N, C-alpha and C. Protein backbone atom coordinates (compact mmCIF):
# COMPACT_ATOMS: atom_id res chain seq x y z
N UNK A 1 53.74 62.25 112.59
CA UNK A 1 54.07 63.46 112.72
C UNK A 1 53.35 63.84 111.44
N UNK A 2 52.83 62.96 110.39
CA UNK A 2 51.91 63.45 109.12
C UNK A 2 50.83 62.40 109.60
N UNK A 3 50.46 62.32 110.54
CA UNK A 3 49.21 62.01 110.82
C UNK A 3 47.93 62.61 110.51
N UNK A 4 48.11 63.79 110.31
CA UNK A 4 47.11 64.62 110.32
C UNK A 4 46.64 64.74 108.62
N UNK A 5 47.70 64.74 107.89
CA UNK A 5 47.51 64.68 106.58
C UNK A 5 46.96 63.69 106.15
N UNK A 6 47.48 62.21 106.88
CA UNK A 6 46.93 61.02 106.09
C UNK A 6 45.48 61.11 106.33
N UNK A 7 44.90 61.58 107.55
CA UNK A 7 43.44 61.49 107.94
C UNK A 7 43.02 62.25 106.95
N UNK A 8 43.21 63.40 106.52
CA UNK A 8 42.68 64.80 105.84
C UNK A 8 42.53 64.14 104.48
N UNK A 9 43.75 63.71 103.93
CA UNK A 9 43.76 62.75 102.75
C UNK A 9 42.98 61.79 102.54
N UNK A 10 42.25 61.09 103.93
CA UNK A 10 41.71 59.75 103.62
C UNK A 10 40.34 60.29 103.35
N UNK A 11 39.98 61.28 104.55
CA UNK A 11 38.56 61.98 104.19
C UNK A 11 38.11 62.64 102.81
N UNK A 12 39.23 63.30 102.16
CA UNK A 12 38.88 63.93 100.92
C UNK A 12 38.75 62.64 99.83
N UNK A 13 39.41 61.44 99.88
CA UNK A 13 39.28 60.75 98.79
C UNK A 13 38.28 60.10 99.33
N UNK A 14 38.25 59.45 99.89
CA UNK A 14 36.67 59.10 100.46
C UNK A 14 35.20 59.85 100.26
N UNK A 15 35.28 60.92 99.88
CA UNK A 15 34.49 62.15 99.69
C UNK A 15 34.20 61.97 98.43
N UNK A 16 35.25 61.88 97.44
CA UNK A 16 35.43 61.95 95.88
C UNK A 16 34.67 60.71 95.67
N UNK A 17 35.22 59.61 96.23
CA UNK A 17 34.32 58.21 95.97
C UNK A 17 33.28 58.07 96.06
N UNK A 18 32.92 58.68 97.09
CA UNK A 18 31.28 58.54 97.31
C UNK A 18 30.58 59.93 96.46
N UNK A 19 30.97 60.83 96.38
CA UNK A 19 30.30 62.05 95.49
C UNK A 19 30.23 61.67 94.15
N UNK A 20 31.24 61.55 93.86
CA UNK A 20 31.68 61.74 92.22
C UNK A 20 30.97 61.03 91.33
N UNK A 21 30.43 59.44 91.48
CA UNK A 21 29.17 59.20 90.80
C UNK A 21 28.14 59.65 91.13
N UNK A 22 27.75 59.88 92.02
CA UNK A 22 26.50 60.82 92.53
C UNK A 22 26.23 61.82 91.42
N UNK A 23 27.32 62.70 91.58
CA UNK A 23 27.37 64.25 91.19
C UNK A 23 27.51 64.54 89.61
N UNK A 24 27.90 63.65 89.35
CA UNK A 24 28.35 63.25 87.51
C UNK A 24 27.31 63.38 86.80
N UNK A 25 26.27 61.99 87.15
CA UNK A 25 25.06 61.94 86.37
C UNK A 25 24.27 63.36 86.31
N UNK A 26 24.19 64.01 87.68
CA UNK A 26 23.32 64.99 87.58
C UNK A 26 23.69 66.16 87.38
N UNK A 27 25.09 66.42 87.20
CA UNK A 27 26.02 67.45 86.52
C UNK A 27 25.55 67.67 85.00
N UNK A 28 25.83 66.15 84.67
CA UNK A 28 25.65 66.19 82.92
C UNK A 28 24.28 66.13 82.43
N UNK A 29 23.16 65.79 83.41
CA UNK A 29 21.47 66.24 83.12
C UNK A 29 21.52 67.85 82.94
N UNK A 30 22.15 68.37 83.87
CA UNK A 30 21.98 69.70 83.94
C UNK A 30 22.78 70.54 83.09
N UNK A 31 23.54 70.49 82.61
CA UNK A 31 24.80 71.31 81.59
C UNK A 31 24.41 70.49 79.88
N UNK A 32 24.16 69.52 80.15
CA UNK A 32 24.41 68.76 78.45
C UNK A 32 22.80 69.02 78.07
N UNK A 33 22.62 70.33 77.15
CA UNK A 33 21.26 70.45 76.46
C UNK A 33 21.06 69.96 74.96
N UNK A 34 19.78 69.99 74.39
CA UNK A 34 20.04 70.01 72.97
C UNK A 34 20.46 68.41 72.61
N UNK A 35 20.74 68.48 70.94
CA UNK A 35 20.87 66.82 70.95
C UNK A 35 22.16 66.79 70.80
N UNK A 36 22.48 65.55 70.98
CA UNK A 36 23.63 64.95 71.34
C UNK A 36 23.91 64.20 70.04
N UNK A 37 25.19 64.93 68.94
CA UNK A 37 25.80 64.06 68.04
C UNK A 37 26.42 63.09 67.96
N UNK A 38 26.44 62.05 67.41
CA UNK A 38 27.24 61.28 67.08
C UNK A 38 28.85 61.40 67.20
N UNK A 39 29.43 60.55 67.70
CA UNK A 39 30.97 60.62 67.46
C UNK A 39 31.38 60.53 66.14
N UNK A 40 30.65 60.03 65.17
CA UNK A 40 31.59 60.18 63.75
C UNK A 40 31.41 61.66 63.35
N UNK A 41 30.42 62.42 63.63
CA UNK A 41 30.25 63.91 63.03
C UNK A 41 31.07 64.13 63.65
N UNK A 42 32.11 64.37 64.70
CA UNK A 42 33.06 64.92 65.06
C UNK A 42 34.72 64.61 63.97
N UNK A 43 35.07 65.45 63.45
CA UNK A 43 36.58 65.02 62.59
C UNK A 43 37.55 64.73 63.81
N UNK A 44 37.77 65.04 64.98
CA UNK A 44 38.95 64.85 65.95
C UNK A 44 38.48 63.39 66.43
N UNK A 45 37.25 63.23 66.48
CA UNK A 45 36.86 61.51 67.34
C UNK A 45 37.10 60.88 65.73
N UNK A 46 36.57 61.24 64.60
CA UNK A 46 36.94 60.34 63.62
C UNK A 46 38.77 60.02 63.42
N UNK A 47 39.60 60.77 63.54
CA UNK A 47 40.82 60.81 63.24
C UNK A 47 41.34 59.96 64.71
N UNK A 48 40.79 60.15 65.57
CA UNK A 48 41.21 59.48 67.23
C UNK A 48 40.82 57.65 66.77
N UNK A 49 39.61 57.47 66.20
CA UNK A 49 38.78 56.22 66.23
C UNK A 49 40.23 55.92 64.86
N UNK A 50 40.20 56.46 63.75
CA UNK A 50 41.16 56.03 62.75
C UNK A 50 42.74 55.52 63.83
N UNK A 51 42.90 56.10 64.48
CA UNK A 51 44.26 56.01 65.03
C UNK A 51 44.37 54.94 66.11
N UNK A 52 43.33 54.60 66.64
CA UNK A 52 43.11 53.88 68.07
C UNK A 52 42.70 52.11 67.69
N UNK A 53 41.73 52.10 66.31
CA UNK A 53 41.27 51.12 65.97
C UNK A 53 42.63 50.08 65.48
N UNK A 54 43.45 50.20 64.92
CA UNK A 54 44.20 49.50 64.57
C UNK A 54 44.78 48.96 65.73
N UNK A 55 45.61 49.66 66.78
CA UNK A 55 46.01 49.06 68.27
C UNK A 55 45.08 48.54 68.67
N UNK A 56 44.22 48.38 68.95
CA UNK A 56 42.93 47.91 69.32
C UNK A 56 42.75 46.27 68.82
N UNK A 57 42.85 46.22 67.59
CA UNK A 57 42.64 45.06 66.97
C UNK A 57 44.02 44.38 66.98
N UNK A 58 45.19 44.64 66.95
CA UNK A 58 46.64 44.41 67.11
C UNK A 58 46.40 43.90 68.80
N UNK A 59 46.10 43.80 69.72
CA UNK A 59 45.91 43.97 70.61
C UNK A 59 45.06 42.65 71.13
N UNK A 60 44.08 42.65 70.28
CA UNK A 60 42.76 41.63 70.96
C UNK A 60 43.41 40.51 70.34
N UNK A 61 44.17 40.82 69.00
CA UNK A 61 44.47 39.71 68.03
C UNK A 61 45.64 38.98 69.02
N UNK A 62 46.52 39.47 69.59
CA UNK A 62 47.40 39.15 70.31
C UNK A 62 47.32 39.39 71.59
N UNK A 63 46.24 38.80 72.55
CA UNK A 63 45.84 39.22 73.49
C UNK A 63 46.88 38.59 74.75
N UNK A 64 47.39 37.24 74.16
CA UNK A 64 48.22 36.23 75.06
C UNK A 64 49.57 36.88 74.98
N UNK A 65 49.86 37.41 74.09
CA UNK A 65 51.51 38.17 74.13
C UNK A 65 51.21 39.27 74.97
N UNK A 66 50.34 40.14 74.87
CA UNK A 66 50.08 41.70 75.61
C UNK A 66 50.22 41.26 77.10
N UNK A 67 49.27 39.83 77.40
CA UNK A 67 49.55 39.55 78.76
C UNK A 67 50.63 39.06 79.65
N UNK A 68 51.80 38.64 78.93
CA UNK A 68 52.88 37.85 78.53
C UNK A 68 53.65 39.07 78.86
N UNK A 69 53.79 40.19 78.01
CA UNK A 69 54.73 41.34 78.09
C UNK A 69 54.44 42.14 79.26
N UNK A 70 53.06 42.21 79.62
CA UNK A 70 52.50 42.81 80.77
C UNK A 70 53.32 42.21 82.29
N UNK A 71 53.28 41.11 82.31
CA UNK A 71 53.36 39.91 83.29
C UNK A 71 55.07 40.40 83.31
N UNK A 72 56.12 40.12 82.11
CA UNK A 72 57.28 40.49 82.04
C UNK A 72 57.46 41.63 82.56
N UNK A 73 57.02 42.76 82.59
CA UNK A 73 57.79 44.18 82.60
C UNK A 73 57.02 43.86 84.23
N UNK A 74 56.08 43.40 85.15
CA UNK A 74 55.98 43.41 86.64
C UNK A 74 57.05 42.61 86.83
N UNK A 75 57.63 41.38 86.45
CA UNK A 75 58.73 40.61 87.02
C UNK A 75 59.94 41.31 86.80
N UNK A 76 60.36 42.21 86.12
CA UNK A 76 61.15 43.05 85.69
C UNK A 76 61.51 44.17 86.66
N UNK A 77 60.38 44.63 87.48
CA UNK A 77 60.71 45.75 88.51
C UNK A 77 60.72 45.09 90.17
N UNK A 78 60.71 43.83 90.20
CA UNK A 78 61.30 42.93 91.28
C UNK A 78 62.59 43.50 91.67
N UNK A 79 63.95 43.45 91.04
CA UNK A 79 64.70 43.17 91.21
C UNK A 79 64.85 45.05 92.04
N UNK A 80 64.23 45.99 91.24
CA UNK A 80 64.21 47.36 91.76
C UNK A 80 63.71 47.51 92.92
N UNK A 81 62.55 46.32 93.34
CA UNK A 81 61.91 46.74 94.61
C UNK A 81 62.50 46.25 95.83
N UNK A 82 63.16 44.98 95.41
CA UNK A 82 64.04 44.63 96.68
C UNK A 82 65.52 45.67 96.65
N UNK A 83 65.75 46.26 95.59
CA UNK A 83 66.65 47.24 95.92
C UNK A 83 66.33 48.53 96.86
N UNK A 84 65.30 48.78 96.93
CA UNK A 84 64.77 49.76 97.50
C UNK A 84 65.15 49.79 98.98
N UNK A 85 66.10 50.65 100.12
CA UNK A 85 66.13 50.12 101.23
C UNK A 85 65.26 51.00 102.12
N UNK A 86 64.73 52.29 101.97
CA UNK A 86 63.75 53.02 103.07
C UNK A 86 62.44 53.38 102.07
N UNK A 87 61.89 54.32 102.67
CA UNK A 87 60.81 55.35 102.08
C UNK A 87 61.53 56.08 100.84
N UNK A 88 60.83 56.97 100.08
CA UNK A 88 61.04 57.50 99.06
C UNK A 88 61.16 59.16 99.95
N UNK A 89 60.39 59.22 100.85
CA UNK A 89 60.46 60.39 101.72
C UNK A 89 61.61 60.88 102.20
N UNK A 90 61.86 62.12 102.34
CA UNK A 90 63.34 62.54 102.47
C UNK A 90 63.35 62.89 103.72
N UNK A 91 64.44 63.25 105.01
CA UNK A 91 64.04 63.64 106.00
C UNK A 91 63.81 64.92 106.07
N UNK A 92 62.40 64.80 107.23
CA UNK A 92 62.09 66.40 107.54
C UNK A 92 62.75 67.42 108.21
N UNK A 93 63.20 68.36 107.73
CA UNK A 93 63.74 69.60 108.25
C UNK A 93 62.80 70.35 108.30
N UNK A 94 62.34 70.94 109.63
CA UNK A 94 60.84 71.59 109.31
C UNK A 94 61.83 73.10 109.74
N UNK A 95 63.06 73.51 109.61
CA UNK A 95 63.41 74.75 109.72
C UNK A 95 63.34 75.32 108.02
N UNK A 96 63.59 74.37 107.07
CA UNK A 96 63.52 74.28 105.75
C UNK A 96 62.15 74.76 105.11
N UNK A 97 61.32 73.96 105.88
CA UNK A 97 59.65 73.87 105.42
C UNK A 97 59.24 75.22 105.80
N UNK A 98 59.82 75.70 107.18
CA UNK A 98 58.93 76.84 107.52
C UNK A 98 59.47 78.29 106.94
N UNK A 99 61.18 78.16 106.52
CA UNK A 99 61.62 79.45 105.72
C UNK A 99 60.47 79.38 103.90
N UNK A 100 60.35 77.98 103.73
CA UNK A 100 59.39 77.87 102.15
C UNK A 100 58.29 78.35 102.43
N UNK A 101 57.22 78.23 103.49
CA UNK A 101 55.91 78.39 104.00
C UNK A 101 55.86 79.81 104.25
N UNK A 102 56.99 80.70 105.02
CA UNK A 102 56.88 82.03 105.69
C UNK A 102 57.83 82.76 104.62
N UNK A 103 58.58 82.41 104.01
CA UNK A 103 59.42 83.42 103.15
C UNK A 103 60.30 83.50 104.30
N UNK A 104 61.56 84.21 103.50
CA UNK A 104 62.79 84.89 104.29
C UNK A 104 62.40 85.38 104.88
N UNK A 105 63.67 86.05 105.87
CA UNK A 105 63.17 87.46 106.61
C UNK A 105 63.08 88.48 105.50
N UNK A 106 62.40 89.34 106.04
CA UNK A 106 62.25 90.83 105.09
C UNK A 106 61.28 90.76 103.73
N UNK A 107 60.88 89.32 103.44
CA UNK A 107 59.91 89.50 102.42
C UNK A 107 58.71 89.46 102.40
N UNK A 108 57.89 89.33 103.92
CA UNK A 108 56.67 89.20 104.07
C UNK A 108 56.30 90.67 104.40
N UNK A 109 54.72 91.00 103.83
CA UNK A 109 54.06 92.12 104.06
C UNK A 109 53.73 92.24 105.52
């Protein structure tokens, strides 16, 4: 029923995956002109670096604890995964979809 959407999504996604790495440097070379300033010259970047640096140092210092916490978070989701009965997709009722797409009677021009 939704096979066309899946094929379309696959085509668009593969186009993005193939196109973005080639297009981004070309657009950057086209649009970025003049002198490129250092990160430290921007006050917003200085503030973000000052905020982020202690977090990075803490994570690097306690890396095994961070890995263990991430693994425990993944294991904690297993009961929820096993409790799922079916997909999240609700039943498709095309009369409702048609009304949403086309609008109610008397509302179209």
